[in-house]
Amino acid sequence: MRTIVLLAVSNLFMTFAWYGHLKYRSEALWKVVLASWGIAFLEYCFQVPANRIGYGEFTGYQLKIIQEVVTLIVFAVFAYLYLGEAPRWNYILSFVCIIGAVTFAFWNRL
């Protein structure tokens, strides 16, 4: 559980680093790049411990798959609340397909 919480916090920072600047398109690109780097440093402060703690309980592949699912969940909430973008049916169906792939990846643990 610690791994997933750390991954969620990590992905929150990374989502803001990658997409938070979209609301500030008039800012100079060099400014948003520097700001994104600063935010990304915080992302690493959570991502690296998450992987270190989780490895052994999960395989490297499973850690990556978990991270991608967490990323999608965090981004979906971010896009809705911060960017004001409502999810469309095809995005939701895409997420369902990814959840199916995750279930298949963890099949031996079920």
PDB file of N, CA and C in Angstrom:
ATOM      1  N   MET A   1       0.819  -1.198   0.000  1.00  0.00           N
ATOM      2  CA  MET A   1       0.000   0.000   0.000  1.00  0.00           C
ATOM      3  C   MET A   1       0.864   1.264   0.000  1.00  0.00           C
ATOM      4  N   ARG A   2       1.998   1.234   0.729  1.00  0.00           N
ATOM      5  CA  ARG A   2       2.896   2.399   0.729  1.00  0.00           C
ATOM      6  C   ARG A   2       3.360   2.727  -0.677  1.00  0.00           C
ATOM      7  N   THR A   3       3.660   1.689  -1.429  1.00  0.00           N
ATOM      8  CA  THR A   3       4.127   1.889  -2.798  1.00  0.00           C
ATOM      9  C   THR A   3       3.092   2.644  -3.618  1.00  0.00           C
ATOM     10  N   ILE A   4       1.847   2.242  -3.529  1.00  0.00           N
ATOM     11  CA  ILE A   4       0.794   2.867  -4.334  1.00  0.00           C
ATOM     12  C   ILE A   4       0.543   4.304  -3.884  1.00  0.00           C
ATOM     13  N   VAL A   5       0.573   4.566  -2.588  1.00  0.00           N
ATOM     14  CA  VAL A   5       0.398   5.939  -2.093  1.00  0.00           C
ATOM     15  C   VAL A   5       1.541   6.824  -2.582  1.00  0.00           C
ATOM     16  N   LEU A   6       2.774   6.330  -2.471  1.00  0.00           N
ATOM     17  CA  LEU A   6       3.920   7.105  -2.956  1.00  0.00           C
ATOM     18  C   LEU A   6       3.835   7.338  -4.461  1.00  0.00           C
ATOM     19  N   LEU A   7       3.389   6.339  -5.201  1.00  0.00           N
ATOM     20  CA  LEU A   7       3.223   6.514  -6.644  1.00  0.00           C
ATOM     21  C   LEU A   7       2.147   7.549  -6.960  1.00  0.00           C
ATOM     22  N   ALA A   8       1.077   7.567  -6.182  1.00  0.00           N
ATOM     23  CA  ALA A   8       0.016   8.551  -6.404  1.00  0.00           C
ATOM     24  C   ALA A   8       0.531   9.966  -6.172  1.00  0.00           C
ATOM     25  N   VAL A   9       1.263  10.174  -5.074  1.00  0.00           N
ATOM     26  CA  VAL A   9       1.825  11.496  -4.791  1.00  0.00           C
ATOM     27  C   VAL A   9       2.816  11.880  -5.891  1.00  0.00           C
ATOM     28  N   SER A  10       3.652  10.941  -6.262  1.00  0.00           N
ATOM     29  CA  SER A  10       4.627  11.164  -7.323  1.00  0.00           C
ATOM     30  C   SER A  10       3.942  11.599  -8.616  1.00  0.00           C
ATOM     31  N   ASN A  11       2.905  10.902  -8.979  1.00  0.00           N
ATOM     32  CA  ASN A  11       2.202  11.208 -10.223  1.00  0.00           C
ATOM     33  C   ASN A  11       1.445  12.519 -10.163  1.00  0.00           C
ATOM     34  N   LEU A  12       1.017  12.909  -8.998  1.00  0.00           N
ATOM     35  CA  LEU A  12       0.383  14.220  -8.862  1.00  0.00           C
ATOM     36  C   LEU A  12       1.385  15.321  -9.215  1.00  0.00           C
ATOM     37  N   PHE A  13       2.591  15.213  -8.671  1.00  0.00           N
ATOM     38  CA  PHE A  13       3.627  16.192  -9.003  1.00  0.00           C
ATOM     39  C   PHE A  13       3.971  16.146 -10.489  1.00  0.00           C
ATOM     40  N   MET A  14       4.140  14.946 -11.036  1.00  0.00           N
ATOM     41  CA  MET A  14       4.529  14.845 -12.434  1.00  0.00           C
ATOM     42  C   MET A  14       3.440  15.358 -13.367  1.00  0.00           C
ATOM     43  N   THR A  15       2.200  15.119 -13.026  1.00  0.00           N
ATOM     44  CA  THR A  15       1.110  15.624 -13.854  1.00  0.00           C
ATOM     45  C   THR A  15       1.135  17.144 -13.893  1.00  0.00           C
ATOM     46  N   PHE A  16       1.367  17.764 -12.754  1.00  0.00           N
ATOM     47  CA  PHE A  16       1.478  19.229 -12.739  1.00  0.00           C
ATOM     48  C   PHE A  16       2.723  19.692 -13.499  1.00  0.00           C
ATOM     49  N   ALA A  17       3.808  18.944 -13.392  1.00  0.00           N
ATOM     50  CA  ALA A  17       5.029  19.321 -14.113  1.00  0.00           C
ATOM     51  C   ALA A  17       4.798  19.260 -15.623  1.00  0.00           C
ATOM     52  N   TRP A  18       4.111  18.238 -16.075  1.00  0.00           N
ATOM     53  CA  TRP A  18       3.920  18.054 -17.515  1.00  0.00           C
ATOM     54  C   TRP A  18       2.764  18.859 -18.092  1.00  0.00           C
ATOM     55  N   TYR A  19       1.683  19.034 -17.324  1.00  0.00           N
ATOM     56  CA  TYR A  19       0.467  19.616 -17.892  1.00  0.00           C
ATOM     57  C   TYR A  19      -0.029  20.883 -17.192  1.00  0.00           C
ATOM     58  N   GLY A  20       0.494  21.182 -16.015  1.00  0.00           N
ATOM     59  CA  GLY A  20       0.008  22.343 -15.270  1.00  0.00           C
ATOM     60  C   GLY A  20       0.208  23.656 -15.990  1.00  0.00           C
ATOM     61  N   HIS A  21       1.242  23.751 -16.792  1.00  0.00           N
ATOM     62  CA  HIS A  21       1.554  24.983 -17.502  1.00  0.00           C
ATOM     63  C   HIS A  21       0.593  25.273 -18.649  1.00  0.00           C
ATOM     64  N   LEU A  22      -0.242  24.312 -19.014  1.00  0.00           N
ATOM     65  CA  LEU A  22      -1.148  24.522 -20.140  1.00  0.00           C
ATOM     66  C   LEU A  22      -2.134  25.659 -19.896  1.00  0.00           C
ATOM     67  N   LYS A  23      -2.385  25.968 -18.650  1.00  0.00           N
ATOM     68  CA  LYS A  23      -3.260  27.099 -18.331  1.00  0.00           C
ATOM     69  C   LYS A  23      -2.521  28.434 -18.445  1.00  0.00           C
ATOM     70  N   TYR A  24      -1.228  28.387 -18.612  1.00  0.00           N
ATOM     71  CA  TYR A  24      -0.403  29.599 -18.651  1.00  0.00           C
ATOM     72  C   TYR A  24       0.368  29.668 -19.964  1.00  0.00           C
ATOM     73  N   ARG A  25      -0.338  29.589 -21.051  1.00  0.00           N
ATOM     74  CA  ARG A  25       0.295  29.527 -22.363  1.00  0.00           C
ATOM     75  C   ARG A  25       0.987  30.828 -22.744  1.00  0.00           C
ATOM     76  N   SER A  26       0.684  31.917 -22.071  1.00  0.00           N
ATOM     77  CA  SER A  26       1.336  33.183 -22.403  1.00  0.00           C
ATOM     78  C   SER A  26       2.702  33.327 -21.718  1.00  0.00           C
ATOM     79  N   GLU A  27       2.996  32.471 -20.762  1.00  0.00           N
ATOM     80  CA  GLU A  27       4.307  32.514 -20.092  1.00  0.00           C
ATOM     81  C   GLU A  27       5.397  32.052 -21.056  1.00  0.00           C
ATOM     82  N   ALA A  28       6.577  32.599 -20.870  1.00  0.00           N
ATOM     83  CA  ALA A  28       7.714  32.194 -21.697  1.00  0.00           C
ATOM     84  C   ALA A  28       8.004  30.706 -21.494  1.00  0.00           C
ATOM     85  N   LEU A  29       8.351  30.050 -22.576  1.00  0.00           N
ATOM     86  CA  LEU A  29       8.603  28.611 -22.516  1.00  0.00           C
ATOM     87  C   LEU A  29       9.720  28.275 -21.534  1.00  0.00           C
ATOM     88  N   TRP A  30      10.775  29.056 -21.500  1.00  0.00           N
ATOM     89  CA  TRP A  30      11.893  28.763 -20.600  1.00  0.00           C
ATOM     90  C   TRP A  30      11.450  28.814 -19.145  1.00  0.00           C
ATOM     91  N   LYS A  31      10.488  29.685 -18.820  1.00  0.00           N
ATOM     92  CA  LYS A  31       9.991  29.772 -17.441  1.00  0.00           C
ATOM     93  C   LYS A  31       9.213  28.517 -17.052  1.00  0.00           C
ATOM     94  N   VAL A  32       8.358  28.061 -17.951  1.00  0.00           N
ATOM     95  CA  VAL A  32       7.567  26.876 -17.607  1.00  0.00           C
ATOM     96  C   VAL A  32       8.437  25.623 -17.596  1.00  0.00           C
ATOM     97  N   VAL A  33       9.484  25.592 -18.418  1.00  0.00           N
ATOM     98  CA  VAL A  33      10.410  24.451 -18.383  1.00  0.00           C
ATOM     99  C   VAL A  33      11.127  24.412 -17.038  1.00  0.00           C
ATOM    100  N   LEU A  34      11.619  25.552 -16.581  1.00  0.00           N
ATOM    101  CA  LEU A  34      12.294  25.586 -15.275  1.00  0.00           C
ATOM    102  C   LEU A  34      11.347  25.229 -14.139  1.00  0.00           C
ATOM    103  N   ALA A  35      10.144  25.758 -14.186  1.00  0.00           N
ATOM    104  CA  ALA A  35       9.159  25.427 -13.157  1.00  0.00           C
ATOM    105  C   ALA A  35       8.840  23.929 -13.182  1.00  0.00           C
ATOM    106  N   SER A  36       8.711  23.375 -14.377  1.00  0.00           N
ATOM    107  CA  SER A  36       8.420  21.946 -14.515  1.00  0.00           C
ATOM    108  C   SER A  36       9.561  21.095 -13.967  1.00  0.00           C
ATOM    109  N   TRP A  37      10.786  21.509 -14.198  1.00  0.00           N
ATOM    110  CA  TRP A  37      11.932  20.770 -13.647  1.00  0.00           C
ATOM    111  C   TRP A  37      11.896  20.756 -12.126  1.00  0.00           C
ATOM    112  N   GLY A  38      11.566  21.899 -11.536  1.00  0.00           N
ATOM    113  CA  GLY A  38      11.474  21.961 -10.078  1.00  0.00           C
ATOM    114  C   GLY A  38      10.401  21.039  -9.532  1.00  0.00           C
ATOM    115  N   ILE A  39       9.264  21.022 -10.210  1.00  0.00           N
ATOM    116  CA  ILE A  39       8.173  20.142  -9.784  1.00  0.00           C
ATOM    117  C   ILE A  39       8.561  18.677 -10.007  1.00  0.00           C
ATOM    118  N   ALA A  40       9.243  18.401 -11.121  1.00  0.00           N
ATOM    119  CA  ALA A  40       9.652  17.025 -11.422  1.00  0.00           C
ATOM    120  C   ALA A  40      10.634  16.496 -10.388  1.00  0.00           C
ATOM    121  N   PHE A  41      11.463  17.375  -9.815  1.00  0.00           N
ATOM    122  CA  PHE A  41      12.359  16.933  -8.749  1.00  0.00           C
ATOM    123  C   PHE A  41      11.552  16.364  -7.586  1.00  0.00           C
ATOM    124  N   LEU A  42      10.451  17.040  -7.241  1.00  0.00           N
ATOM    125  CA  LEU A  42       9.591  16.538  -6.162  1.00  0.00           C
ATOM    126  C   LEU A  42       8.977  15.189  -6.540  1.00  0.00           C
ATOM    127  N   GLU A  43       8.657  15.043  -7.815  1.00  0.00           N
ATOM    128  CA  GLU A  43       8.119  13.760  -8.282  1.00  0.00           C
ATOM    129  C   GLU A  43       9.113  12.638  -8.021  1.00  0.00           C
ATOM    130  N   TYR A  44      10.381  12.882  -8.324  1.00  0.00           N
ATOM    131  CA  TYR A  44      11.407  11.864  -8.107  1.00  0.00           C
ATOM    132  C   TYR A  44      11.583  11.533  -6.630  1.00  0.00           C
ATOM    133  N   CYS A  45      11.362  12.503  -5.763  1.00  0.00           N
ATOM    134  CA  CYS A  45      11.501  12.272  -4.319  1.00  0.00           C
ATOM    135  C   CYS A  45      10.473  11.264  -3.807  1.00  0.00           C
ATOM    136  N   PHE A  46       9.410  11.042  -4.559  1.00  0.00           N
ATOM    137  CA  PHE A  46       8.403  10.046  -4.190  1.00  0.00           C
ATOM    138  C   PHE A  46       8.490   8.797  -5.075  1.00  0.00           C
ATOM    139  N   GLN A  47       8.817   8.979  -6.345  1.00  0.00           N
ATOM    140  CA  GLN A  47       8.867   7.855  -7.289  1.00  0.00           C
ATOM    141  C   GLN A  47       9.971   6.858  -6.931  1.00  0.00           C
ATOM    142  N   VAL A  48      11.153   7.363  -6.654  1.00  0.00           N
ATOM    143  CA  VAL A  48      12.275   6.471  -6.366  1.00  0.00           C
ATOM    144  C   VAL A  48      12.013   5.640  -5.105  1.00  0.00           C
ATOM    145  N   PRO A  49      11.576   6.249  -3.998  1.00  0.00           N
ATOM    146  CA  PRO A  49      11.251   5.416  -2.822  1.00  0.00           C
ATOM    147  C   PRO A  49      10.104   4.433  -3.086  1.00  0.00           C
ATOM    148  N   ALA A  50       9.129   4.843  -3.872  1.00  0.00           N
ATOM    149  CA  ALA A  50       8.016   3.931  -4.182  1.00  0.00           C
ATOM    150  C   ALA A  50       8.533   2.677  -4.868  1.00  0.00           C
ATOM    151  N   ASN A  51       9.406   2.857  -5.851  1.00  0.00           N
ATOM    152  CA  ASN A  51       9.945   1.698  -6.557  1.00  0.00           C
ATOM    153  C   ASN A  51      10.884   0.887  -5.674  1.00  0.00           C
ATOM    154  N   ARG A  52      11.662   1.553  -4.857  1.00  0.00           N
ATOM    155  CA  ARG A  52      12.596   0.851  -3.963  1.00  0.00           C
ATOM    156  C   ARG A  52      11.812  -0.002  -2.963  1.00  0.00           C
ATOM    157  N   ILE A  53      10.758   0.573  -2.384  1.00  0.00           N
ATOM    158  CA  ILE A  53       9.947  -0.151  -1.396  1.00  0.00           C
ATOM    159  C   ILE A  53       9.162  -1.283  -2.065  1.00  0.00           C
ATOM    160  N   GLY A  54       8.623  -1.006  -3.250  1.00  0.00           N
ATOM    161  CA  GLY A  54       7.749  -1.978  -3.910  1.00  0.00           C
ATOM    162  C   GLY A  54       8.451  -3.131  -4.582  1.00  0.00           C
ATOM    163  N   TYR A  55       9.720  -2.913  -4.951  1.00  0.00           N
ATOM    164  CA  TYR A  55      10.429  -3.975  -5.666  1.00  0.00           C
ATOM    165  C   TYR A  55      10.720  -5.134  -4.716  1.00  0.00           C
ATOM    166  N   GLY A  56      10.330  -6.289  -5.124  1.00  0.00           N
ATOM    167  CA  GLY A  56      10.434  -7.473  -4.274  1.00  0.00           C
ATOM    168  C   GLY A  56       9.036  -7.975  -3.964  1.00  0.00           C
ATOM    169  N   GLU A  57       8.175  -7.064  -3.549  1.00  0.00           N
ATOM    170  CA  GLU A  57       6.760  -7.408  -3.421  1.00  0.00           C
ATOM    171  C   GLU A  57       6.151  -7.515  -4.823  1.00  0.00           C
ATOM    172  N   PHE A  58       6.598  -6.613  -5.700  1.00  0.00           N
ATOM    173  CA  PHE A  58       6.173  -6.603  -7.098  1.00  0.00           C
ATOM    174  C   PHE A  58       7.402  -6.770  -7.978  1.00  0.00           C
ATOM    175  N   THR A  59       7.201  -7.271  -9.181  1.00  0.00           N
ATOM    176  CA  THR A  59       8.291  -7.315 -10.144  1.00  0.00           C
ATOM    177  C   THR A  59       8.457  -5.922 -10.755  1.00  0.00           C
ATOM    178  N   GLY A  60       9.536  -5.727 -11.475  1.00  0.00           N
ATOM    179  CA  GLY A  60       9.735  -4.454 -12.170  1.00  0.00           C
ATOM    180  C   GLY A  60       8.612  -4.171 -13.154  1.00  0.00           C
ATOM    181  N   TYR A  61       8.189  -5.200 -13.871  1.00  0.00           N
ATOM    182  CA  TYR A  61       7.075  -5.035 -14.807  1.00  0.00           C
ATOM    183  C   TYR A  61       5.801  -4.614 -14.079  1.00  0.00           C
ATOM    184  N   GLN A  62       5.525  -5.273 -12.968  1.00  0.00           N
ATOM    185  CA  GLN A  62       4.308  -4.949 -12.225  1.00  0.00           C
ATOM    186  C   GLN A  62       4.365  -3.537 -11.663  1.00  0.00           C
ATOM    187  N   LEU A  63       5.536  -3.102 -11.192  1.00  0.00           N
ATOM    188  CA  LEU A  63       5.664  -1.727 -10.711  1.00  0.00           C
ATOM    189  C   LEU A  63       5.348  -0.733 -11.822  1.00  0.00           C
ATOM    190  N   LYS A  64       5.844  -0.987 -13.009  1.00  0.00           N
ATOM    191  CA  LYS A  64       5.587  -0.088 -14.133  1.00  0.00           C
ATOM    192  C   LYS A  64       4.114  -0.072 -14.494  1.00  0.00           C
ATOM    193  N   ILE A  65       3.487  -1.224 -14.484  1.00  0.00           N
ATOM    194  CA  ILE A  65       2.066  -1.309 -14.813  1.00  0.00           C
ATOM    195  C   ILE A  65       1.244  -0.564 -13.766  1.00  0.00           C
ATOM    196  N   ILE A  66       1.561  -0.743 -12.493  1.00  0.00           N
ATOM    197  CA  ILE A  66       0.867  -0.012 -11.427  1.00  0.00           C
ATOM    198  C   ILE A  66       1.042   1.485 -11.637  1.00  0.00           C
ATOM    199  N   GLN A  67       2.272   1.889 -11.931  1.00  0.00           N
ATOM    200  CA  GLN A  67       2.559   3.313 -12.120  1.00  0.00           C
ATOM    201  C   GLN A  67       1.726   3.894 -13.266  1.00  0.00           C
ATOM    202  N   GLU A  68       1.569   3.150 -14.340  1.00  0.00           N
ATOM    203  CA  GLU A  68       0.795   3.653 -15.472  1.00  0.00           C
ATOM    204  C   GLU A  68      -0.682   3.800 -15.127  1.00  0.00           C
ATOM    205  N   VAL A  69      -1.228   2.852 -14.384  1.00  0.00           N
ATOM    206  CA  VAL A  69      -2.628   2.956 -13.976  1.00  0.00           C
ATOM    207  C   VAL A  69      -2.824   4.141 -13.037  1.00  0.00           C
ATOM    208  N   VAL A  70      -1.921   4.295 -12.085  1.00  0.00           N
ATOM    209  CA  VAL A  70      -1.996   5.445 -11.178  1.00  0.00           C
ATOM    210  C   VAL A  70      -1.906   6.738 -11.978  1.00  0.00           C
ATOM    211  N   THR A  71      -1.020   6.775 -12.955  1.00  0.00           N
ATOM    212  CA  THR A  71      -0.875   7.958 -13.799  1.00  0.00           C
ATOM    213  C   THR A  71      -2.187   8.295 -14.496  1.00  0.00           C
ATOM    214  N   LEU A  72      -2.850   7.301 -15.046  1.00  0.00           N
ATOM    215  CA  LEU A  72      -4.111   7.550 -15.739  1.00  0.00           C
ATOM    216  C   LEU A  72      -5.196   8.055 -14.795  1.00  0.00           C
ATOM    217  N   ILE A  73      -5.258   7.479 -13.617  1.00  0.00           N
ATOM    218  CA  ILE A  73      -6.268   7.923 -12.644  1.00  0.00           C
ATOM    219  C   ILE A  73      -5.994   9.355 -12.217  1.00  0.00           C
ATOM    220  N   VAL A  74      -4.737   9.638 -11.864  1.00  0.00           N
ATOM    221  CA  VAL A  74      -4.373  11.000 -11.442  1.00  0.00           C
ATOM    222  C   VAL A  74      -4.644  11.983 -12.575  1.00  0.00           C
ATOM    223  N   PHE A  75      -4.260  11.613 -13.803  1.00  0.00           N
ATOM    224  CA  PHE A  75      -4.476  12.528 -14.918  1.00  0.00           C
ATOM    225  C   PHE A  75      -5.953  12.758 -15.180  1.00  0.00           C
ATOM    226  N   ALA A  76      -6.774  11.727 -15.086  1.00  0.00           N
ATOM    227  CA  ALA A  76      -8.214  11.891 -15.335  1.00  0.00           C
ATOM    228  C   ALA A  76      -8.821  12.891 -14.348  1.00  0.00           C
ATOM    229  N   VAL A  77      -8.442  12.781 -13.090  1.00  0.00           N
ATOM    230  CA  VAL A  77      -8.935  13.730 -12.080  1.00  0.00           C
ATOM    231  C   VAL A  77      -8.398  15.129 -12.370  1.00  0.00           C
ATOM    232  N   PHE A  78      -7.112  15.227 -12.697  1.00  0.00           N
ATOM    233  CA  PHE A  78      -6.475  16.503 -13.021  1.00  0.00           C
ATOM    234  C   PHE A  78      -7.146  17.163 -14.228  1.00  0.00           C
ATOM    235  N   ALA A  79      -7.356  16.401 -15.294  1.00  0.00           N
ATOM    236  CA  ALA A  79      -7.960  16.954 -16.512  1.00  0.00           C
ATOM    237  C   ALA A  79      -9.361  17.474 -16.236  1.00  0.00           C
ATOM    238  N   TYR A  80     -10.088  16.777 -15.401  1.00  0.00           N
ATOM    239  CA  TYR A  80     -11.455  17.199 -15.090  1.00  0.00           C
ATOM    240  C   TYR A  80     -11.470  18.424 -14.176  1.00  0.00           C
ATOM    241  N   LEU A  81     -10.714  18.361 -13.079  1.00  0.00           N
ATOM    242  CA  LEU A  81     -10.766  19.436 -12.087  1.00  0.00           C
ATOM    243  C   LEU A  81      -9.925  20.663 -12.464  1.00  0.00           C
ATOM    244  N   TYR A  82      -8.735  20.454 -13.018  1.00  0.00           N
ATOM    245  CA  TYR A  82      -7.819  21.564 -13.281  1.00  0.00           C
ATOM    246  C   TYR A  82      -7.971  22.129 -14.694  1.00  0.00           C
ATOM    247  N   LEU A  83      -8.050  21.243 -15.673  1.00  0.00           N
ATOM    248  CA  LEU A  83      -8.166  21.703 -17.055  1.00  0.00           C
ATOM    249  C   LEU A  83      -9.612  21.894 -17.498  1.00  0.00           C
ATOM    250  N   GLY A  84     -10.549  21.376 -16.712  1.00  0.00           N
ATOM    251  CA  GLY A  84     -11.960  21.520 -17.047  1.00  0.00           C
ATOM    252  C   GLY A  84     -12.400  20.675 -18.230  1.00  0.00           C
ATOM    253  N   GLU A  85     -11.720  19.564 -18.458  1.00  0.00           N
ATOM    254  CA  GLU A  85     -12.056  18.675 -19.567  1.00  0.00           C
ATOM    255  C   GLU A  85     -12.858  17.477 -19.057  1.00  0.00           C
ATOM    256  N   ALA A  86     -14.052  17.340 -19.563  1.00  0.00           N
ATOM    257  CA  ALA A  86     -14.894  16.214 -19.158  1.00  0.00           C
ATOM    258  C   ALA A  86     -14.436  14.950 -19.882  1.00  0.00           C
ATOM    259  N   PRO A  87     -14.486  13.805 -19.203  1.00  0.00           N
ATOM    260  CA  PRO A  87     -14.125  12.559 -19.885  1.00  0.00           C
ATOM    261  C   PRO A  87     -15.177  12.208 -20.937  1.00  0.00           C
ATOM    262  N   ARG A  88     -14.723  11.684 -22.044  1.00  0.00           N
ATOM    263  CA  ARG A  88     -15.623  11.252 -23.104  1.00  0.00           C
ATOM    264  C   ARG A  88     -15.708   9.738 -23.080  1.00  0.00           C
ATOM    265  N   TRP A  89     -16.718   9.206 -23.725  1.00  0.00           N
ATOM    266  CA  TRP A  89     -16.960   7.770 -23.685  1.00  0.00           C
ATOM    267  C   TRP A  89     -15.760   6.979 -24.187  1.00  0.00           C
ATOM    268  N   ASN A  90     -15.078   7.479 -25.222  1.00  0.00           N
ATOM    269  CA  ASN A  90     -13.959   6.716 -25.771  1.00  0.00           C
ATOM    270  C   ASN A  90     -12.764   6.711 -24.815  1.00  0.00           C
ATOM    271  N   TYR A  91     -12.585   7.769 -24.021  1.00  0.00           N
ATOM    272  CA  TYR A  91     -11.518   7.782 -23.016  1.00  0.00           C
ATOM    273  C   TYR A  91     -11.828   6.769 -21.913  1.00  0.00           C
ATOM    274  N   ILE A  92     -13.076   6.758 -21.489  1.00  0.00           N
ATOM    275  CA  ILE A  92     -13.490   5.825 -20.433  1.00  0.00           C
ATOM    276  C   ILE A  92     -13.322   4.380 -20.915  1.00  0.00           C
ATOM    277  N   LEU A  93     -13.721   4.110 -22.140  1.00  0.00           N
ATOM    278  CA  LEU A  93     -13.573   2.757 -22.689  1.00  0.00           C
ATOM    279  C   LEU A  93     -12.092   2.389 -22.811  1.00  0.00           C
ATOM    280  N   SER A  94     -11.258   3.345 -23.164  1.00  0.00           N
ATOM    281  CA  SER A  94      -9.807   3.093 -23.229  1.00  0.00           C
ATOM    282  C   SER A  94      -9.268   2.715 -21.861  1.00  0.00           C
ATOM    283  N   PHE A  95      -9.715   3.424 -20.825  1.00  0.00           N
ATOM    284  CA  PHE A  95      -9.280   3.111 -19.462  1.00  0.00           C
ATOM    285  C   PHE A  95      -9.726   1.713 -19.056  1.00  0.00           C
ATOM    286  N   VAL A  96     -10.935   1.335 -19.441  1.00  0.00           N
ATOM    287  CA  VAL A  96     -11.432  -0.007 -19.126  1.00  0.00           C
ATOM    288  C   VAL A  96     -10.534  -1.064 -19.785  1.00  0.00           C
ATOM    289  N   CYS A  97     -10.129  -0.819 -21.019  1.00  0.00           N
ATOM    290  CA  CYS A  97      -9.223  -1.760 -21.698  1.00  0.00           C
ATOM    291  C   CYS A  97      -7.885  -1.855 -20.969  1.00  0.00           C
ATOM    292  N   ILE A  98      -7.387  -0.736 -20.483  1.00  0.00           N
ATOM    293  CA  ILE A  98      -6.122  -0.747 -19.747  1.00  0.00           C
ATOM    294  C   ILE A  98      -6.276  -1.510 -18.433  1.00  0.00           C
ATOM    295  N   ILE A  99      -7.392  -1.318 -17.759  1.00  0.00           N
ATOM    296  CA  ILE A  99      -7.647  -2.065 -16.520  1.00  0.00           C
ATOM    297  C   ILE A  99      -7.670  -3.569 -16.825  1.00  0.00           C
ATOM    298  N   GLY A 100      -8.231  -3.949 -17.967  1.00  0.00           N
ATOM    299  CA  GLY A 100      -8.208  -5.351 -18.373  1.00  0.00           C
ATOM    300  C   GLY A 100      -6.787  -5.858 -18.564  1.00  0.00           C
ATOM    301  N   ALA A 101      -5.936  -5.035 -19.156  1.00  0.00           N
ATOM    302  CA  ALA A 101      -4.535  -5.417 -19.340  1.00  0.00           C
ATOM    303  C   ALA A 101      -3.825  -5.564 -18.001  1.00  0.00           C
ATOM    304  N   VAL A 102      -4.142  -4.694 -17.067  1.00  0.00           N
ATOM    305  CA  VAL A 102      -3.539  -4.779 -15.728  1.00  0.00           C
ATOM    306  C   VAL A 102      -3.977  -6.057 -15.039  1.00  0.00           C
ATOM    307  N   THR A 103      -5.234  -6.376 -15.147  1.00  0.00           N
ATOM    308  CA  THR A 103      -5.736  -7.615 -14.546  1.00  0.00           C
ATOM    309  C   THR A 103      -4.989  -8.809 -15.127  1.00  0.00           C
ATOM    310  N   PHE A 104      -4.765  -8.798 -16.419  1.00  0.00           N
ATOM    311  CA  PHE A 104      -4.029  -9.884 -17.057  1.00  0.00           C
ATOM    312  C   PHE A 104      -2.578  -9.943 -16.549  1.00  0.00           C
ATOM    313  N   ALA A 105      -1.947  -8.787 -16.350  1.00  0.00           N
ATOM    314  CA  ALA A 105      -0.561  -8.746 -15.865  1.00  0.00           C
ATOM    315  C   ALA A 105      -0.430  -9.296 -14.443  1.00  0.00           C
ATOM    316  N   PHE A 106      -1.471  -9.141 -13.634  1.00  0.00           N
ATOM    317  CA  PHE A 106      -1.428  -9.587 -12.248  1.00  0.00           C
ATOM    318  C   PHE A 106      -2.168 -10.913 -12.057  1.00  0.00           C
ATOM    319  N   TRP A 107      -2.467 -11.595 -13.132  1.00  0.00           N
ATOM    320  CA  TRP A 107      -3.268 -12.814 -13.072  1.00  0.00           C
ATOM    321  C   TRP A 107      -2.693 -13.849 -12.112  1.00  0.00           C
ATOM    322  N   ASN A 108      -1.370 -13.981 -12.062  1.00  0.00           N
ATOM    323  CA  ASN A 108      -0.779 -15.001 -11.196  1.00  0.00           C
ATOM    324  C   ASN A 108      -0.888 -14.635  -9.710  1.00  0.00           C
ATOM    325  N   ARG A 109      -1.245 -13.406  -9.391  1.00  0.00           N
ATOM    326  CA  ARG A 109      -1.417 -12.985  -8.001  1.00  0.00           C
ATOM    327  C   ARG A 109      -2.858 -13.102  -7.523  1.00  0.00           C
ATOM    328  N   LEU A 110      -3.782 -13.346  -8.457  1.00  0.00           N
ATOM    329  CA  LEU A 110      -5.223 -13.399  -8.094  1.00  0.00           C
ATOM    330  C   LEU A 110      -5.564 -14.723  -7.461  1.00  0.00           C
TER     331      LEU A 110
END
